[in-house]
Amino acid sequence: MNYLDVLKLTVLAGEIMIKSGAEIYRTEEVMDRIAKNYGVKYVESFVTPTGIFCAIETDEGQVFTTVRRIESRGFNLTKIDKVNDFSRRLARRHIPVEEGIAELTKVAREKSEYPRWLKVLAAGFGAFFATGLIGGQGLEMVMSLFIAMLVRSFIIAIPDLGLFPFFLDLVGGFLSTLLVVVISKFYPISLGVTVVGSIMPFIPGMSITNSIRDAIAGDFLASQARGLEAFLRVIALAVSAAVVLAFLT
């Protein structure tokens, strides 16, 4: 048994999951299961939103350790499901380490993003229904839908410069509020309701949810990191909207 390959496979699984938005406790659990299913006597994994630390000990007392930095994160439940499925299949039957590495490498190289048209459509309908939930009428709901779709299209078109989501949320909140203010000059819409509905697709709901779930699981370091990220993004939306409203209304 090549334990270095086992370690590589274990960390690869964790990397895919954390990059795809999985909870910390779930990522560590999957890593532990994979390593132990390959006969590793002792495995210790420590995962944060920005890095993975993993050590395994063999029956002979050899210890192998590795560190993997996580530079980018997103949300892709399909990849999480594929890693979980691999872990379950490994528990039922033996899968050669080389075959496992090849399978998960293929998963890691898959395009992590959903089609652009689906992102735009999801943003539009998210804003549409959010506006309705906070008391918006038909016209406000329709305006929120088109504004959210237009702004999301613009954000997606921006080249990937490795910027922190904070800056994209700042731009998204600014443009959404600006468009609402301009449209309100020509149509009788509620300014506040339409602004809130239009920026709703930018709210980092998954980050907030995962932060709470990590805290419940006892992973307070990861919970604080994700909570701070979500807080900064919400602040960006609020500040950008406030600036536009302060100067144009």
C-alpha atoms as a PDB file:
ATOM      1  CA  MET A   1       0.000   0.000   0.000  1.00  0.00           C
ATOM      2  CA  ASN A   2       1.384   3.382  -1.046  1.00  0.00           C
ATOM      3  CA  TYR A   3       0.369   5.583   1.861  1.00  0.00           C
ATOM      4  CA  LEU A   4       1.540   8.737   0.120  1.00  0.00           C
ATOM      5  CA  ASP A   5      -1.078   8.081  -2.554  1.00  0.00           C
ATOM      6  CA  VAL A   6      -3.679   7.458   0.156  1.00  0.00           C
ATOM      7  CA  LEU A   7      -2.779  10.807   1.708  1.00  0.00           C
ATOM      8  CA  LYS A   8      -2.957  12.483  -1.691  1.00  0.00           C
ATOM      9  CA  LEU A   9      -6.404  10.998  -2.343  1.00  0.00           C
ATOM     10  CA  THR A  10      -7.655  11.974   1.116  1.00  0.00           C
ATOM     11  CA  VAL A  11      -6.553  15.588   0.765  1.00  0.00           C
ATOM     12  CA  LEU A  12      -7.880  15.777  -2.799  1.00  0.00           C
ATOM     13  CA  ALA A  13     -11.328  14.753  -1.580  1.00  0.00           C
ATOM     14  CA  GLY A  14     -11.208  17.396   1.142  1.00  0.00           C
ATOM     15  CA  GLU A  15     -10.008  20.053  -1.284  1.00  0.00           C
ATOM     16  CA  ILE A  16     -12.888  19.396  -3.684  1.00  0.00           C
ATOM     17  CA  MET A  17     -15.445  19.555  -0.902  1.00  0.00           C
ATOM     18  CA  ILE A  18     -14.176  22.728   0.742  1.00  0.00           C
ATOM     19  CA  LYS A  19     -13.842  24.483  -2.628  1.00  0.00           C
ATOM     20  CA  SER A  20     -17.414  23.470  -3.434  1.00  0.00           C
ATOM     21  CA  GLY A  21     -18.874  24.944  -0.256  1.00  0.00           C
ATOM     22  CA  ALA A  22     -19.140  21.919   2.039  1.00  0.00           C
ATOM     23  CA  GLU A  23     -19.245  22.326   5.801  1.00  0.00           C
ATOM     24  CA  ILE A  24     -15.975  21.866   7.691  1.00  0.00           C
ATOM     25  CA  TYR A  25     -17.183  18.973   9.837  1.00  0.00           C
ATOM     26  CA  ARG A  26     -18.518  17.133   6.796  1.00  0.00           C
ATOM     27  CA  THR A  27     -15.231  17.597   4.938  1.00  0.00           C
ATOM     28  CA  GLU A  28     -13.178  16.259   7.846  1.00  0.00           C
ATOM     29  CA  GLU A  29     -15.559  13.325   8.264  1.00  0.00           C
ATOM     30  CA  VAL A  30     -15.238  12.307   4.609  1.00  0.00           C
ATOM     31  CA  MET A  31     -11.440  12.603   4.725  1.00  0.00           C
ATOM     32  CA  ASP A  32     -11.268  10.410   7.828  1.00  0.00           C
ATOM     33  CA  ARG A  33     -13.543   7.761   6.291  1.00  0.00           C
ATOM     34  CA  ILE A  34     -11.554   7.588   3.061  1.00  0.00           C
ATOM     35  CA  ALA A  35      -8.209   7.199   4.843  1.00  0.00           C
ATOM     36  CA  LYS A  36      -9.491   4.545   7.251  1.00  0.00           C
ATOM     37  CA  ASN A  37     -11.128   2.565   4.450  1.00  0.00           C
ATOM     38  CA  TYR A  38      -7.643   2.177   2.981  1.00  0.00           C
ATOM     39  CA  GLY A  39      -6.374   0.667   6.216  1.00  0.00           C
ATOM     40  CA  VAL A  40      -4.785   3.735   7.760  1.00  0.00           C
ATOM     41  CA  LYS A  41      -4.366   3.182  11.498  1.00  0.00           C
ATOM     42  CA  TYR A  42      -4.594   6.815  12.520  1.00  0.00           C
ATOM     43  CA  VAL A  43      -5.721   9.901  10.595  1.00  0.00           C
ATOM     44  CA  GLU A  44      -6.021  13.467  11.785  1.00  0.00           C
ATOM     45  CA  SER A  45      -7.465  16.166   9.544  1.00  0.00           C
ATOM     46  CA  PHE A  46      -7.797  19.833  10.377  1.00  0.00           C
ATOM     47  CA  VAL A  47      -9.697  21.901   7.835  1.00  0.00           C
ATOM     48  CA  THR A  48     -10.351  25.635   7.621  1.00  0.00           C
ATOM     49  CA  PRO A  49     -11.955  27.615   4.773  1.00  0.00           C
ATOM     50  CA  THR A  50      -8.460  28.522   3.527  1.00  0.00           C
ATOM     51  CA  GLY A  51      -6.391  25.405   4.189  1.00  0.00           C
ATOM     52  CA  ILE A  52      -6.235  21.667   4.830  1.00  0.00           C
ATOM     53  CA  PHE A  53      -3.841  19.960   7.241  1.00  0.00           C
ATOM     54  CA  CYS A  54      -3.789  16.174   7.215  1.00  0.00           C
ATOM     55  CA  ALA A  55      -1.592  13.530   8.864  1.00  0.00           C
ATOM     56  CA  ILE A  56      -1.791   9.744   8.689  1.00  0.00           C
ATOM     57  CA  GLU A  57       0.048   7.044  10.634  1.00  0.00           C
ATOM     58  CA  THR A  58       0.666   3.550   9.272  1.00  0.00           C
ATOM     59  CA  ASP A  59       0.785   0.242  11.129  1.00  0.00           C
ATOM     60  CA  GLU A  60       4.581   0.476  11.017  1.00  0.00           C
ATOM     61  CA  GLY A  61       4.506   3.802  12.840  1.00  0.00           C
ATOM     62  CA  GLN A  62       5.375   5.933   9.812  1.00  0.00           C
ATOM     63  CA  VAL A  63       3.750   9.361   9.778  1.00  0.00           C
ATOM     64  CA  PHE A  64       2.960  11.302   6.604  1.00  0.00           C
ATOM     65  CA  THR A  65       1.757  14.893   6.737  1.00  0.00           C
ATOM     66  CA  THR A  66       0.707  17.400   4.113  1.00  0.00           C
ATOM     67  CA  VAL A  67      -0.725  20.903   3.908  1.00  0.00           C
ATOM     68  CA  ARG A  68      -2.925  22.201   1.096  1.00  0.00           C
ATOM     69  CA  ARG A  69      -3.860  25.861   0.705  1.00  0.00           C
ATOM     70  CA  ILE A  70      -7.357  26.696  -0.562  1.00  0.00           C
ATOM     71  CA  GLU A  71      -7.153  29.807  -2.718  1.00  0.00           C
ATOM     72  CA  SER A  72     -10.660  29.933  -4.156  1.00  0.00           C
ATOM     73  CA  ARG A  73     -14.074  28.790  -2.991  1.00  0.00           C
ATOM     74  CA  GLY A  74     -17.520  28.560  -4.504  1.00  0.00           C
ATOM     75  CA  PHE A  75     -20.649  26.452  -4.309  1.00  0.00           C
ATOM     76  CA  ASN A  76     -21.208  23.291  -6.311  1.00  0.00           C
ATOM     77  CA  LEU A  77     -23.413  20.678  -4.683  1.00  0.00           C
ATOM     78  CA  THR A  78     -22.851  18.288  -7.590  1.00  0.00           C
ATOM     79  CA  LYS A  79     -19.145  17.953  -6.771  1.00  0.00           C
ATOM     80  CA  ILE A  80     -19.903  17.475  -3.077  1.00  0.00           C
ATOM     81  CA  ASP A  81     -22.348  14.724  -3.984  1.00  0.00           C
ATOM     82  CA  LYS A  82     -19.768  12.990  -6.194  1.00  0.00           C
ATOM     83  CA  VAL A  83     -17.160  12.950  -3.425  1.00  0.00           C
ATOM     84  CA  ASN A  84     -19.732  11.648  -0.937  1.00  0.00           C
ATOM     85  CA  ASP A  85     -20.758   8.975  -3.429  1.00  0.00           C
ATOM     86  CA  PHE A  86     -17.117   7.915  -3.850  1.00  0.00           C
ATOM     87  CA  SER A  87     -16.734   7.672  -0.073  1.00  0.00           C
ATOM     88  CA  ARG A  88     -19.837   5.478   0.220  1.00  0.00           C
ATOM     89  CA  ARG A  89     -18.731   3.185  -2.617  1.00  0.00           C
ATOM     90  CA  LEU A  90     -15.309   2.870  -1.008  1.00  0.00           C
ATOM     91  CA  ALA A  91     -16.965   1.748   2.236  1.00  0.00           C
ATOM     92  CA  ARG A  92     -18.832  -1.016   0.363  1.00  0.00           C
ATOM     93  CA  ARG A  93     -15.980  -2.307  -1.798  1.00  0.00           C
ATOM     94  CA  HIS A  94     -12.275  -1.761  -2.303  1.00  0.00           C
ATOM     95  CA  ILE A  95     -11.311   0.805  -4.936  1.00  0.00           C
ATOM     96  CA  PRO A  96      -7.638   0.931  -5.983  1.00  0.00           C
ATOM     97  CA  VAL A  97      -5.955   4.117  -4.814  1.00  0.00           C
ATOM     98  CA  GLU A  98      -4.831   5.012  -8.331  1.00  0.00           C
ATOM     99  CA  GLU A  99      -8.377   4.598  -9.615  1.00  0.00           C
ATOM    100  CA  GLY A 100      -9.690   6.787  -6.801  1.00  0.00           C
ATOM    101  CA  ILE A 101      -7.166   9.533  -7.538  1.00  0.00           C
ATOM    102  CA  ALA A 102      -8.067   9.450 -11.227  1.00  0.00           C
ATOM    103  CA  GLU A 103     -11.799   9.634 -10.454  1.00  0.00           C
ATOM    104  CA  LEU A 104     -11.544  12.545  -8.035  1.00  0.00           C
ATOM    105  CA  THR A 105      -9.044  14.381 -10.237  1.00  0.00           C
ATOM    106  CA  LYS A 106     -11.639  14.239 -12.994  1.00  0.00           C
ATOM    107  CA  VAL A 107     -14.242  15.642 -10.602  1.00  0.00           C
ATOM    108  CA  ALA A 108     -11.872  18.435  -9.536  1.00  0.00           C
ATOM    109  CA  ARG A 109     -11.245  19.449 -13.153  1.00  0.00           C
ATOM    110  CA  GLU A 110     -14.910  19.672 -14.034  1.00  0.00           C
ATOM    111  CA  LYS A 111     -16.166  23.178 -14.620  1.00  0.00           C
ATOM    112  CA  SER A 112     -17.173  24.422 -11.203  1.00  0.00           C
ATOM    113  CA  GLU A 113     -19.637  26.970 -12.472  1.00  0.00           C
ATOM    114  CA  TYR A 114     -23.197  26.509 -13.614  1.00  0.00           C
ATOM    115  CA  PRO A 115     -24.146  27.847 -17.079  1.00  0.00           C
ATOM    116  CA  ARG A 116     -24.234  31.632 -17.273  1.00  0.00           C
ATOM    117  CA  TRP A 117     -27.831  31.709 -18.439  1.00  0.00           C
ATOM    118  CA  LEU A 118     -28.866  29.671 -15.411  1.00  0.00           C
ATOM    119  CA  LYS A 119     -27.065  32.040 -13.036  1.00  0.00           C
ATOM    120  CA  VAL A 120     -28.739  35.037 -14.631  1.00  0.00           C
ATOM    121  CA  LEU A 121     -32.159  33.387 -14.572  1.00  0.00           C
ATOM    122  CA  ALA A 122     -31.747  32.299 -10.948  1.00  0.00           C
ATOM    123  CA  ALA A 123     -30.759  35.824  -9.898  1.00  0.00           C
ATOM    124  CA  GLY A 124     -33.773  37.274 -11.667  1.00  0.00           C
ATOM    125  CA  PHE A 125     -36.349  34.952 -10.170  1.00  0.00           C
ATOM    126  CA  GLY A 126     -34.660  35.137  -6.771  1.00  0.00           C
ATOM    127  CA  ALA A 127     -35.132  38.907  -6.811  1.00  0.00           C
ATOM    128  CA  PHE A 128     -38.660  38.517  -8.203  1.00  0.00           C
ATOM    129  CA  PHE A 129     -39.916  36.313  -5.383  1.00  0.00           C
ATOM    130  CA  ALA A 130     -37.908  38.124  -2.691  1.00  0.00           C
ATOM    131  CA  THR A 131     -39.585  41.383  -3.679  1.00  0.00           C
ATOM    132  CA  GLY A 132     -42.976  39.727  -3.400  1.00  0.00           C
ATOM    133  CA  LEU A 133     -42.147  38.334   0.040  1.00  0.00           C
ATOM    134  CA  ILE A 134     -41.334  41.785   1.436  1.00  0.00           C
ATOM    135  CA  GLY A 135     -44.563  43.316   0.168  1.00  0.00           C
ATOM    136  CA  GLY A 136     -43.732  44.332  -3.384  1.00  0.00           C
ATOM    137  CA  GLN A 137     -46.486  44.546  -5.965  1.00  0.00           C
ATOM    138  CA  GLY A 138     -46.462  43.246  -9.525  1.00  0.00           C
ATOM    139  CA  LEU A 139     -44.538  46.155 -11.020  1.00  0.00           C
ATOM    140  CA  GLU A 140     -41.854  46.112  -8.309  1.00  0.00           C
ATOM    141  CA  MET A 141     -41.444  42.347  -8.727  1.00  0.00           C
ATOM    142  CA  VAL A 142     -41.007  42.603 -12.495  1.00  0.00           C
ATOM    143  CA  MET A 143     -38.552  45.493 -12.199  1.00  0.00           C
ATOM    144  CA  SER A 144     -36.512  43.608  -9.612  1.00  0.00           C
ATOM    145  CA  LEU A 145     -36.395  40.592 -11.909  1.00  0.00           C
ATOM    146  CA  PHE A 146     -34.998  42.520 -14.871  1.00  0.00           C
ATOM    147  CA  ILE A 147     -32.590  44.605 -12.785  1.00  0.00           C
ATOM    148  CA  ALA A 148     -31.172  41.528 -11.050  1.00  0.00           C
ATOM    149  CA  MET A 149     -30.741  39.718 -14.376  1.00  0.00           C
ATOM    150  CA  LEU A 150     -29.025  42.729 -15.940  1.00  0.00           C
ATOM    151  CA  VAL A 151     -26.641  43.278 -13.024  1.00  0.00           C
ATOM    152  CA  ARG A 152     -25.830  39.574 -12.704  1.00  0.00           C
ATOM    153  CA  SER A 153     -25.018  39.469 -16.437  1.00  0.00           C
ATOM    154  CA  PHE A 154     -22.618  42.376 -15.956  1.00  0.00           C
ATOM    155  CA  ILE A 155     -20.948  40.797 -12.905  1.00  0.00           C
ATOM    156  CA  ILE A 156     -20.469  37.498 -14.744  1.00  0.00           C
ATOM    157  CA  ALA A 157     -18.931  39.334 -17.712  1.00  0.00           C
ATOM    158  CA  ILE A 158     -16.224  40.874 -15.501  1.00  0.00           C
ATOM    159  CA  PRO A 159     -12.957  38.967 -16.040  1.00  0.00           C
ATOM    160  CA  ASP A 160     -11.812  36.763 -13.169  1.00  0.00           C
ATOM    161  CA  LEU A 161      -9.160  38.923 -11.509  1.00  0.00           C
ATOM    162  CA  GLY A 162      -9.103  36.971  -8.272  1.00  0.00           C
ATOM    163  CA  LEU A 163     -10.961  39.724  -6.451  1.00  0.00           C
ATOM    164  CA  PHE A 164     -12.535  39.119  -3.061  1.00  0.00           C
ATOM    165  CA  PRO A 165     -16.350  38.788  -3.456  1.00  0.00           C
ATOM    166  CA  PHE A 166     -16.612  41.954  -1.351  1.00  0.00           C
ATOM    167  CA  PHE A 167     -15.719  44.093  -4.377  1.00  0.00           C
ATOM    168  CA  LEU A 168     -18.145  42.329  -6.705  1.00  0.00           C
ATOM    169  CA  ASP A 169     -20.921  42.791  -4.143  1.00  0.00           C
ATOM    170  CA  LEU A 170     -19.981  46.457  -3.898  1.00  0.00           C
ATOM    171  CA  VAL A 171     -20.380  46.825  -7.663  1.00  0.00           C
ATOM    172  CA  GLY A 172     -23.555  44.740  -7.725  1.00  0.00           C
ATOM    173  CA  GLY A 173     -25.216  46.713  -4.938  1.00  0.00           C
ATOM    174  CA  PHE A 174     -24.225  50.023  -6.525  1.00  0.00           C
ATOM    175  CA  LEU A 175     -25.553  49.153  -9.983  1.00  0.00           C
ATOM    176  CA  SER A 176     -28.756  47.583  -8.664  1.00  0.00           C
ATOM    177  CA  THR A 177     -29.610  50.613  -6.544  1.00  0.00           C
ATOM    178  CA  LEU A 178     -28.660  53.029  -9.318  1.00  0.00           C
ATOM    179  CA  LEU A 179     -30.962  51.283 -11.793  1.00  0.00           C
ATOM    180  CA  VAL A 180     -33.826  51.236  -9.296  1.00  0.00           C
ATOM    181  CA  VAL A 181     -33.444  54.975  -8.637  1.00  0.00           C
ATOM    182  CA  VAL A 182     -33.402  55.764 -12.369  1.00  0.00           C
ATOM    183  CA  ILE A 183     -36.428  53.561 -13.096  1.00  0.00           C
ATOM    184  CA  SER A 184     -38.356  55.070 -10.167  1.00  0.00           C
ATOM    185  CA  LYS A 185     -38.243  58.427 -11.994  1.00  0.00           C
ATOM    186  CA  PHE A 186     -40.382  56.975 -14.766  1.00  0.00           C
ATOM    187  CA  TYR A 187     -42.503  54.311 -13.059  1.00  0.00           C
ATOM    188  CA  PRO A 188     -44.499  54.443  -9.808  1.00  0.00           C
ATOM    189  CA  ILE A 189     -42.537  51.851  -7.833  1.00  0.00           C
ATOM    190  CA  SER A 190     -41.591  51.637  -4.170  1.00  0.00           C
ATOM    191  CA  LEU A 191     -37.928  52.595  -4.000  1.00  0.00           C
ATOM    192  CA  GLY A 192     -37.084  50.747  -0.791  1.00  0.00           C
ATOM    193  CA  VAL A 193     -38.869  47.511  -1.640  1.00  0.00           C
ATOM    194  CA  THR A 194     -37.400  47.328  -5.139  1.00  0.00           C
ATOM    195  CA  VAL A 195     -33.858  48.068  -3.932  1.00  0.00           C
ATOM    196  CA  VAL A 196     -34.020  45.348  -1.292  1.00  0.00           C
ATOM    197  CA  GLY A 197     -35.479  42.844  -3.745  1.00  0.00           C
ATOM    198  CA  SER A 198     -32.902  43.646  -6.431  1.00  0.00           C
ATOM    199  CA  ILE A 199     -29.872  43.137  -4.198  1.00  0.00           C
ATOM    200  CA  MET A 200     -31.265  40.025  -2.518  1.00  0.00           C
ATOM    201  CA  PRO A 201     -29.481  37.614  -4.962  1.00  0.00           C
ATOM    202  CA  PHE A 202     -26.160  39.007  -3.713  1.00  0.00           C
ATOM    203  CA  ILE A 203     -26.857  38.096  -0.082  1.00  0.00           C
ATOM    204  CA  PRO A 204     -24.353  35.311   0.861  1.00  0.00           C
ATOM    205  CA  GLY A 205     -26.976  32.950   2.226  1.00  0.00           C
ATOM    206  CA  MET A 206     -24.868  29.794   1.878  1.00  0.00           C
ATOM    207  CA  SER A 207     -21.947  31.360   3.734  1.00  0.00           C
ATOM    208  CA  ILE A 208     -24.228  32.439   6.567  1.00  0.00           C
ATOM    209  CA  THR A 209     -25.847  29.001   6.758  1.00  0.00           C
ATOM    210  CA  ASN A 210     -22.520  27.145   6.724  1.00  0.00           C
ATOM    211  CA  SER A 211     -21.142  29.501   9.364  1.00  0.00           C
ATOM    212  CA  ILE A 212     -24.018  28.608  11.679  1.00  0.00           C
ATOM    213  CA  ARG A 213     -23.717  24.876  10.942  1.00  0.00           C
ATOM    214  CA  ASP A 214     -19.968  24.939  11.595  1.00  0.00           C
ATOM    215  CA  ALA A 215     -20.594  26.691  14.919  1.00  0.00           C
ATOM    216  CA  ILE A 216     -23.153  24.057  15.899  1.00  0.00           C
ATOM    217  CA  ALA A 217     -20.617  21.345  15.018  1.00  0.00           C
ATOM    218  CA  GLY A 218     -18.004  23.034  17.222  1.00  0.00           C
ATOM    219  CA  ASP A 219     -15.774  24.330  14.397  1.00  0.00           C
ATOM    220  CA  PHE A 220     -15.635  27.859  15.763  1.00  0.00           C
ATOM    221  CA  LEU A 221     -12.565  28.959  13.789  1.00  0.00           C
ATOM    222  CA  ALA A 222     -14.196  28.104  10.466  1.00  0.00           C
ATOM    223  CA  SER A 223     -17.504  29.524  11.666  1.00  0.00           C
ATOM    224  CA  GLN A 224     -15.906  32.869  12.505  1.00  0.00           C
ATOM    225  CA  ALA A 225     -14.038  32.998   9.186  1.00  0.00           C
ATOM    226  CA  ARG A 226     -17.146  32.316   7.130  1.00  0.00           C
ATOM    227  CA  GLY A 227     -19.259  34.567   9.321  1.00  0.00           C
ATOM    228  CA  LEU A 228     -16.813  37.455   8.871  1.00  0.00           C
ATOM    229  CA  GLU A 229     -16.756  36.928   5.108  1.00  0.00           C
ATOM    230  CA  ALA A 230     -20.559  36.988   4.968  1.00  0.00           C
ATOM    231  CA  PHE A 231     -20.671  40.063   7.225  1.00  0.00           C
ATOM    232  CA  LEU A 232     -18.250  42.003   5.001  1.00  0.00           C
ATOM    233  CA  ARG A 233     -20.246  41.127   1.898  1.00  0.00           C
ATOM    234  CA  VAL A 234     -23.499  42.286   3.481  1.00  0.00           C
ATOM    235  CA  ILE A 235     -21.786  45.510   4.582  1.00  0.00           C
ATOM    236  CA  ALA A 236     -20.607  46.041   0.994  1.00  0.00           C
ATOM    237  CA  LEU A 237     -24.176  45.762  -0.279  1.00  0.00           C
ATOM    238  CA  ALA A 238     -25.496  48.116   2.391  1.00  0.00           C
ATOM    239  CA  VAL A 239     -22.781  50.732   1.853  1.00  0.00           C
ATOM    240  CA  SER A 240     -23.112  50.746  -1.938  1.00  0.00           C
ATOM    241  CA  ALA A 241     -26.899  51.089  -1.736  1.00  0.00           C
ATOM    242  CA  ALA A 242     -26.655  53.823   0.907  1.00  0.00           C
ATOM    243  CA  VAL A 243     -24.187  55.858  -1.162  1.00  0.00           C
ATOM    244  CA  VAL A 244     -26.460  55.851  -4.218  1.00  0.00           C
ATOM    245  CA  LEU A 245     -29.572  56.690  -2.204  1.00  0.00           C
ATOM    246  CA  ALA A 246     -27.778  59.469  -0.318  1.00  0.00           C
ATOM    247  CA  PHE A 247     -26.650  61.270  -3.467  1.00  0.00           C
ATOM    248  CA  LEU A 248     -29.526  60.601  -5.865  1.00  0.00           C
ATOM    249  CA  THR A 249     -32.625  60.823  -3.678  1.00  0.00           C
END
